[in-house]
Amino acid sequence: MDAPVLRNDVYRRPLATALDRLAVGAGWRVVDVGAGAGDVAVALAEIVGRNGRVYAVDSDPVARDETARAASAHSQVLAITQRAEDLRLPEPVDLAFCRFLLLHVTDPVAVLGRMAEAVRAGGWVVAQEPVTSAGRVDGRPLSMPDARDPDVGALLPALVRRAGLVLEDAWAEAPAGAGPGPVASYLEGLTGVDPGNDPIVLPPLVTVLARRAVAGP
């Protein structure tokens, strides 16, 4: 995936790998749940093209407005204010996606269940969540005390099964670096602390590819 908006995203490779595995392309209908400022939604819009549709859903109306501004050149993006637990769309989609969402919600299985209901039979649910404590700065583990479950990624394959989805694949990737660069800048933005020249392994991001089962005859 060559979406320019993701070139400075340190976690762009797990996203690109997932979208490539699914062969996401022109005409797809997708929803980005917990869209934030809309960077992923805009990248998806560039992939699905004018004949596709991207629903960018976030519970924060400020995030909705930021997404609308970021996607102003993409008429196929519809920004919606909605809680993930209340996800409802005007049509079934081919792909429901979330990243860094489930670590903040009360009931990840319920959210995954709503995402499953949003896709067509045989459609895809892709979730990407961290194992925060597996990250390291100068060998020391990271923490994210404000998250409800900062290590939810470690449970993600089991959670999608509990949500009634068919787990097709799962893997983890972790960006790493030392000294100035995008990894250090990302960590500083996340923690407010400049890591200097310390070696960094960011939290591994667990990706799951799961399908909504097709009903039998």
C-alpha atoms as a PDB file:
ATOM      1  CA  MET A   1       0.000   0.000   0.000  1.00  0.00           C
ATOM      2  CA  ASP A   2       1.436   3.356  -1.029  1.00  0.00           C
ATOM      3  CA  ALA A   3      -1.004   5.683   0.705  1.00  0.00           C
ATOM      4  CA  PRO A   4       1.074   8.868   1.296  1.00  0.00           C
ATOM      5  CA  VAL A   5      -0.725   9.707   4.515  1.00  0.00           C
ATOM      6  CA  LEU A   6       0.756   6.599   6.169  1.00  0.00           C
ATOM      7  CA  ARG A   7       4.399   7.028   5.182  1.00  0.00           C
ATOM      8  CA  ASN A   8       5.257   8.523   8.594  1.00  0.00           C
ATOM      9  CA  ASP A   9       3.097   6.045  10.526  1.00  0.00           C
ATOM     10  CA  VAL A  10       5.490   3.761  12.406  1.00  0.00           C
ATOM     11  CA  TYR A  11       2.845   1.010  12.411  1.00  0.00           C
ATOM     12  CA  ARG A  12       2.138   1.331   8.685  1.00  0.00           C
ATOM     13  CA  ARG A  13       3.605  -2.062   7.797  1.00  0.00           C
ATOM     14  CA  PRO A  14       1.147  -4.158   9.856  1.00  0.00           C
ATOM     15  CA  LEU A  15      -1.719  -2.201   8.292  1.00  0.00           C
ATOM     16  CA  ALA A  16      -0.339  -2.525   4.765  1.00  0.00           C
ATOM     17  CA  THR A  17       0.271  -6.247   5.264  1.00  0.00           C
ATOM     18  CA  ALA A  18      -3.310  -6.824   6.424  1.00  0.00           C
ATOM     19  CA  LEU A  19      -4.866  -4.856   3.559  1.00  0.00           C
ATOM     20  CA  ASP A  20      -2.624  -6.579   1.025  1.00  0.00           C
ATOM     21  CA  ARG A  21      -3.527 -10.001   2.419  1.00  0.00           C
ATOM     22  CA  LEU A  22      -7.211  -9.236   1.907  1.00  0.00           C
ATOM     23  CA  ALA A  23      -6.615  -7.645  -1.522  1.00  0.00           C
ATOM     24  CA  VAL A  24      -8.640  -4.591  -0.478  1.00  0.00           C
ATOM     25  CA  GLY A  25      -9.279  -2.610  -3.637  1.00  0.00           C
ATOM     26  CA  ALA A  26     -11.530  -0.385  -5.674  1.00  0.00           C
ATOM     27  CA  GLY A  27     -15.199  -0.473  -4.798  1.00  0.00           C
ATOM     28  CA  TRP A  28     -14.817  -1.943  -1.306  1.00  0.00           C
ATOM     29  CA  ARG A  29     -17.063  -0.689   1.477  1.00  0.00           C
ATOM     30  CA  VAL A  30     -15.188  -0.372   4.769  1.00  0.00           C
ATOM     31  CA  VAL A  31     -15.610   1.055   8.249  1.00  0.00           C
ATOM     32  CA  ASP A  32     -12.766   2.381  10.423  1.00  0.00           C
ATOM     33  CA  VAL A  33     -14.010   2.111  14.003  1.00  0.00           C
ATOM     34  CA  GLY A  34     -12.294   4.526  16.385  1.00  0.00           C
ATOM     35  CA  ALA A  35     -11.049   6.541  13.432  1.00  0.00           C
ATOM     36  CA  GLY A  36      -9.387   9.291  15.472  1.00  0.00           C
ATOM     37  CA  ALA A  37      -8.011  12.050  13.260  1.00  0.00           C
ATOM     38  CA  GLY A  38      -8.810  10.036  10.125  1.00  0.00           C
ATOM     39  CA  ASP A  39      -5.367   9.107   8.779  1.00  0.00           C
ATOM     40  CA  VAL A  40      -6.301   5.453   8.228  1.00  0.00           C
ATOM     41  CA  ALA A  41      -9.723   6.412   6.847  1.00  0.00           C
ATOM     42  CA  VAL A  42      -8.078   8.643   4.245  1.00  0.00           C
ATOM     43  CA  ALA A  43      -5.602   5.892   3.342  1.00  0.00           C
ATOM     44  CA  LEU A  44      -8.507   3.477   2.911  1.00  0.00           C
ATOM     45  CA  ALA A  45     -10.319   6.021   0.751  1.00  0.00           C
ATOM     46  CA  GLU A  46      -7.349   6.178  -1.583  1.00  0.00           C
ATOM     47  CA  ILE A  47      -7.464   2.382  -1.917  1.00  0.00           C
ATOM     48  CA  VAL A  48     -11.220   1.893  -2.430  1.00  0.00           C
ATOM     49  CA  GLY A  49     -11.513   4.827  -4.835  1.00  0.00           C
ATOM     50  CA  ARG A  50     -14.504   6.922  -5.817  1.00  0.00           C
ATOM     51  CA  ASN A  51     -16.755   3.895  -6.213  1.00  0.00           C
ATOM     52  CA  GLY A  52     -16.010   2.652  -2.718  1.00  0.00           C
ATOM     53  CA  ARG A  53     -17.174   3.889   0.665  1.00  0.00           C
ATOM     54  CA  VAL A  54     -15.349   4.538   3.942  1.00  0.00           C
ATOM     55  CA  TYR A  55     -17.297   5.074   7.147  1.00  0.00           C
ATOM     56  CA  ALA A  56     -15.029   6.782   9.714  1.00  0.00           C
ATOM     57  CA  VAL A  57     -16.620   6.204  13.122  1.00  0.00           C
ATOM     58  CA  ASP A  58     -15.489   7.767  16.395  1.00  0.00           C
ATOM     59  CA  SER A  59     -17.255   8.587  19.654  1.00  0.00           C
ATOM     60  CA  ASP A  60     -15.593  12.011  19.826  1.00  0.00           C
ATOM     61  CA  PRO A  61     -17.258  14.718  17.703  1.00  0.00           C
ATOM     62  CA  VAL A  62     -13.928  16.569  17.592  1.00  0.00           C
ATOM     63  CA  ALA A  63     -12.374  13.514  15.945  1.00  0.00           C
ATOM     64  CA  ARG A  64     -15.277  13.427  13.492  1.00  0.00           C
ATOM     65  CA  ASP A  65     -14.564  17.020  12.491  1.00  0.00           C
ATOM     66  CA  GLU A  66     -10.831  16.310  12.156  1.00  0.00           C
ATOM     67  CA  THR A  67     -11.600  13.333   9.928  1.00  0.00           C
ATOM     68  CA  ALA A  68     -13.958  15.397   7.807  1.00  0.00           C
ATOM     69  CA  ARG A  69     -11.223  17.988   7.296  1.00  0.00           C
ATOM     70  CA  ALA A  70      -8.569  15.376   6.534  1.00  0.00           C
ATOM     71  CA  ALA A  71     -10.877  13.674   4.056  1.00  0.00           C
ATOM     72  CA  SER A  72     -12.242  16.827   2.417  1.00  0.00           C
ATOM     73  CA  ALA A  73     -10.852  15.723  -0.956  1.00  0.00           C
ATOM     74  CA  HIS A  74     -12.462  12.272  -0.679  1.00  0.00           C
ATOM     75  CA  SER A  75     -16.222  12.287  -1.150  1.00  0.00           C
ATOM     76  CA  GLN A  76     -16.349   8.546  -0.402  1.00  0.00           C
ATOM     77  CA  VAL A  77     -15.519   9.163   3.285  1.00  0.00           C
ATOM     78  CA  LEU A  78     -18.438   9.644   5.656  1.00  0.00           C
ATOM     79  CA  ALA A  79     -17.445  10.732   9.187  1.00  0.00           C
ATOM     80  CA  ILE A  80     -19.873   9.584  11.898  1.00  0.00           C
ATOM     81  CA  THR A  81     -20.032  10.241  15.642  1.00  0.00           C
ATOM     82  CA  GLN A  82     -20.914   6.915  17.241  1.00  0.00           C
ATOM     83  CA  ARG A  83     -19.689   4.730  20.075  1.00  0.00           C
ATOM     84  CA  ALA A  84     -18.084   1.488  18.962  1.00  0.00           C
ATOM     85  CA  GLU A  85     -20.475  -0.355  21.274  1.00  0.00           C
ATOM     86  CA  ASP A  86     -23.404   1.159  19.342  1.00  0.00           C
ATOM     87  CA  LEU A  87     -22.031   0.632  15.842  1.00  0.00           C
ATOM     88  CA  ARG A  88     -24.758   0.755  13.201  1.00  0.00           C
ATOM     89  CA  LEU A  89     -24.242   1.507   9.522  1.00  0.00           C
ATOM     90  CA  PRO A  90     -26.715   2.148   6.694  1.00  0.00           C
ATOM     91  CA  GLU A  91     -25.368  -0.828   4.698  1.00  0.00           C
ATOM     92  CA  PRO A  92     -23.270  -3.962   5.202  1.00  0.00           C
ATOM     93  CA  VAL A  93     -19.562  -3.440   4.572  1.00  0.00           C
ATOM     94  CA  ASP A  94     -16.821  -5.699   3.237  1.00  0.00           C
ATOM     95  CA  LEU A  95     -14.337  -4.846   5.986  1.00  0.00           C
ATOM     96  CA  ALA A  96     -14.585  -3.549   9.545  1.00  0.00           C
ATOM     97  CA  PHE A  97     -11.253  -2.298  10.880  1.00  0.00           C
ATOM     98  CA  CYS A  98      -9.993  -1.000  14.211  1.00  0.00           C
ATOM     99  CA  ARG A  99      -6.577  -0.105  15.596  1.00  0.00           C
ATOM    100  CA  PHE A 100      -5.679   0.986  19.146  1.00  0.00           C
ATOM    101  CA  LEU A 101      -9.388   0.865  20.052  1.00  0.00           C
ATOM    102  CA  LEU A 102     -10.059  -2.253  22.099  1.00  0.00           C
ATOM    103  CA  LEU A 103      -7.497  -1.385  24.783  1.00  0.00           C
ATOM    104  CA  HIS A 104      -9.779   1.527  25.746  1.00  0.00           C
ATOM    105  CA  VAL A 105     -13.238  -0.110  25.741  1.00  0.00           C
ATOM    106  CA  THR A 106     -15.033  -1.847  28.591  1.00  0.00           C
ATOM    107  CA  ASP A 107     -16.083  -4.930  26.612  1.00  0.00           C
ATOM    108  CA  PRO A 108     -13.843  -5.756  23.633  1.00  0.00           C
ATOM    109  CA  VAL A 109     -15.887  -8.843  22.733  1.00  0.00           C
ATOM    110  CA  ALA A 110     -19.045  -6.747  22.462  1.00  0.00           C
ATOM    111  CA  VAL A 111     -17.288  -4.260  20.171  1.00  0.00           C
ATOM    112  CA  LEU A 112     -15.926  -7.047  17.978  1.00  0.00           C
ATOM    113  CA  GLY A 113     -19.431  -8.482  17.866  1.00  0.00           C
ATOM    114  CA  ARG A 114     -20.822  -5.176  16.598  1.00  0.00           C
ATOM    115  CA  MET A 115     -18.085  -5.030  13.997  1.00  0.00           C
ATOM    116  CA  ALA A 116     -18.988  -8.567  12.926  1.00  0.00           C
ATOM    117  CA  GLU A 117     -22.634  -7.563  12.557  1.00  0.00           C
ATOM    118  CA  ALA A 118     -21.592  -4.600  10.396  1.00  0.00           C
ATOM    119  CA  VAL A 119     -19.950  -6.744   7.702  1.00  0.00           C
ATOM    120  CA  ARG A 120     -21.647  -8.850   5.059  1.00  0.00           C
ATOM    121  CA  ALA A 121     -21.661 -12.641   5.373  1.00  0.00           C
ATOM    122  CA  GLY A 122     -18.134 -13.755   4.527  1.00  0.00           C
ATOM    123  CA  GLY A 123     -16.823 -10.221   5.112  1.00  0.00           C
ATOM    124  CA  TRP A 124     -13.736  -9.347   7.122  1.00  0.00           C
ATOM    125  CA  VAL A 125     -12.983  -7.953  10.569  1.00  0.00           C
ATOM    126  CA  VAL A 126      -9.409  -6.760  11.115  1.00  0.00           C
ATOM    127  CA  ALA A 127      -8.259  -5.614  14.554  1.00  0.00           C
ATOM    128  CA  GLN A 128      -4.806  -4.360  15.539  1.00  0.00           C
ATOM    129  CA  GLU A 129      -4.056  -3.968  19.238  1.00  0.00           C
ATOM    130  CA  PRO A 130      -0.842  -3.621  21.300  1.00  0.00           C
ATOM    131  CA  VAL A 131       0.867  -5.666  23.942  1.00  0.00           C
ATOM    132  CA  THR A 132       2.118  -2.533  25.686  1.00  0.00           C
ATOM    133  CA  SER A 133       4.189  -4.152  28.421  1.00  0.00           C
ATOM    134  CA  ALA A 134       6.233  -6.008  25.780  1.00  0.00           C
ATOM    135  CA  GLY A 135       7.590  -2.678  24.532  1.00  0.00           C
ATOM    136  CA  ARG A 136      11.004  -1.630  25.799  1.00  0.00           C
ATOM    137  CA  VAL A 137      13.003   1.577  26.266  1.00  0.00           C
ATOM    138  CA  ASP A 138      16.632   0.867  27.155  1.00  0.00           C
ATOM    139  CA  GLY A 139      15.482  -2.606  28.180  1.00  0.00           C
ATOM    140  CA  ARG A 140      12.774  -1.367  30.545  1.00  0.00           C
ATOM    141  CA  PRO A 141       9.109  -2.341  29.946  1.00  0.00           C
ATOM    142  CA  LEU A 142       6.592   0.281  28.874  1.00  0.00           C
ATOM    143  CA  SER A 143       3.277   0.968  30.569  1.00  0.00           C
ATOM    144  CA  MET A 144       0.060   2.708  29.617  1.00  0.00           C
ATOM    145  CA  PRO A 145      -1.819   3.298  32.878  1.00  0.00           C
ATOM    146  CA  ASP A 146      -4.659   5.238  31.262  1.00  0.00           C
ATOM    147  CA  ALA A 147      -5.764   2.277  29.106  1.00  0.00           C
ATOM    148  CA  ARG A 148      -8.352  -0.181  30.409  1.00  0.00           C
ATOM    149  CA  ASP A 149      -6.347  -3.124  29.086  1.00  0.00           C
ATOM    150  CA  PRO A 150      -2.962  -2.047  27.682  1.00  0.00           C
ATOM    151  CA  ASP A 151      -2.066  -5.657  26.831  1.00  0.00           C
ATOM    152  CA  VAL A 152      -5.334  -6.578  25.098  1.00  0.00           C
ATOM    153  CA  GLY A 153      -3.384  -7.555  21.985  1.00  0.00           C
ATOM    154  CA  ALA A 154      -2.169 -10.671  23.788  1.00  0.00           C
ATOM    155  CA  LEU A 155      -5.788 -11.825  24.042  1.00  0.00           C
ATOM    156  CA  LEU A 156      -6.934 -10.699  20.613  1.00  0.00           C
ATOM    157  CA  PRO A 157      -7.069 -14.061  18.769  1.00  0.00           C
ATOM    158  CA  ALA A 158      -9.207 -15.525  21.551  1.00  0.00           C
ATOM    159  CA  LEU A 159     -11.433 -12.440  21.698  1.00  0.00           C
ATOM    160  CA  VAL A 160     -12.383 -12.639  18.024  1.00  0.00           C
ATOM    161  CA  ARG A 161     -13.376 -16.274  18.473  1.00  0.00           C
ATOM    162  CA  ARG A 162     -15.506 -15.346  21.482  1.00  0.00           C
ATOM    163  CA  ALA A 163     -17.190 -12.731  19.283  1.00  0.00           C
ATOM    164  CA  GLY A 164     -18.310 -15.503  16.926  1.00  0.00           C
ATOM    165  CA  LEU A 165     -15.813 -14.758  14.164  1.00  0.00           C
ATOM    166  CA  VAL A 166     -13.722 -17.270  12.238  1.00  0.00           C
ATOM    167  CA  LEU A 167     -10.047 -16.563  12.923  1.00  0.00           C
ATOM    168  CA  GLU A 168      -8.080 -16.815   9.671  1.00  0.00           C
ATOM    169  CA  ASP A 169      -4.673 -15.488  10.723  1.00  0.00           C
ATOM    170  CA  ALA A 170      -2.852 -13.582  13.473  1.00  0.00           C
ATOM    171  CA  TRP A 171       0.637 -12.164  13.905  1.00  0.00           C
ATOM    172  CA  ALA A 172       2.589  -9.466  15.781  1.00  0.00           C
ATOM    173  CA  GLU A 173       5.015  -6.786  14.590  1.00  0.00           C
ATOM    174  CA  ALA A 174       7.017  -4.249  16.597  1.00  0.00           C
ATOM    175  CA  PRO A 175       8.879  -1.213  15.201  1.00  0.00           C
ATOM    176  CA  ALA A 176      12.290  -0.623  16.751  1.00  0.00           C
ATOM    177  CA  GLY A 177      14.969   2.045  16.665  1.00  0.00           C
ATOM    178  CA  ALA A 178      17.684   3.936  18.506  1.00  0.00           C
ATOM    179  CA  GLY A 179      18.371   7.662  18.496  1.00  0.00           C
ATOM    180  CA  PRO A 180      16.447  10.349  16.608  1.00  0.00           C
ATOM    181  CA  GLY A 181      13.882   9.131  14.108  1.00  0.00           C
ATOM    182  CA  PRO A 182      10.198   8.249  13.704  1.00  0.00           C
ATOM    183  CA  VAL A 183      10.224   5.580  16.432  1.00  0.00           C
ATOM    184  CA  ALA A 184      11.681   7.980  19.018  1.00  0.00           C
ATOM    185  CA  SER A 185       9.312  10.749  17.902  1.00  0.00           C
ATOM    186  CA  TYR A 186       6.319   8.421  18.214  1.00  0.00           C
ATOM    187  CA  LEU A 187       7.337   7.371  21.721  1.00  0.00           C
ATOM    188  CA  GLU A 188       7.878  10.977  22.794  1.00  0.00           C
ATOM    189  CA  GLY A 189       4.447  11.923  21.461  1.00  0.00           C
ATOM    190  CA  LEU A 190       2.902   9.003  23.339  1.00  0.00           C
ATOM    191  CA  THR A 191       4.669   9.497  26.673  1.00  0.00           C
ATOM    192  CA  GLY A 192       5.869  13.113  26.613  1.00  0.00           C
ATOM    193  CA  VAL A 193       9.399  11.894  27.375  1.00  0.00           C
ATOM    194  CA  ASP A 194      12.300  12.242  24.928  1.00  0.00           C
ATOM    195  CA  PRO A 195      14.046   8.822  24.849  1.00  0.00           C
ATOM    196  CA  GLY A 196      17.282  10.383  23.624  1.00  0.00           C
ATOM    197  CA  ASN A 197      19.582   7.735  22.185  1.00  0.00           C
ATOM    198  CA  ASP A 198      18.084   4.857  24.166  1.00  0.00           C
ATOM    199  CA  PRO A 199      17.225   1.725  22.171  1.00  0.00           C
ATOM    200  CA  ILE A 200      13.477   1.377  21.686  1.00  0.00           C
ATOM    201  CA  VAL A 201      11.153  -1.482  20.858  1.00  0.00           C
ATOM    202  CA  LEU A 202       7.637  -0.131  20.541  1.00  0.00           C
ATOM    203  CA  PRO A 203       4.744  -2.287  21.788  1.00  0.00           C
ATOM    204  CA  PRO A 204       4.137  -5.211  19.422  1.00  0.00           C
ATOM    205  CA  LEU A 205       0.926  -4.726  17.477  1.00  0.00           C
ATOM    206  CA  VAL A 206      -1.081  -7.933  17.188  1.00  0.00           C
ATOM    207  CA  THR A 207      -3.118  -8.172  13.987  1.00  0.00           C
ATOM    208  CA  VAL A 208      -6.024 -10.569  13.556  1.00  0.00           C
ATOM    209  CA  LEU A 209      -7.769 -11.329  10.270  1.00  0.00           C
ATOM    210  CA  ALA A 210     -11.201 -12.794  10.936  1.00  0.00           C
ATOM    211  CA  ARG A 211     -14.257 -13.582   8.832  1.00  0.00           C
ATOM    212  CA  ARG A 212     -17.941 -13.404   9.503  1.00  0.00           C
ATOM    213  CA  ALA A 213     -19.180 -16.916   8.909  1.00  0.00           C
ATOM    214  CA  VAL A 214     -21.385 -17.614   5.905  1.00  0.00           C
ATOM    215  CA  ALA A 215     -24.681 -19.152   6.987  1.00  0.00           C
ATOM    216  CA  GLY A 216     -25.237 -22.705   5.795  1.00  0.00           C
ATOM    217  CA  PRO A 217     -28.137 -23.796   3.585  1.00  0.00           C
END
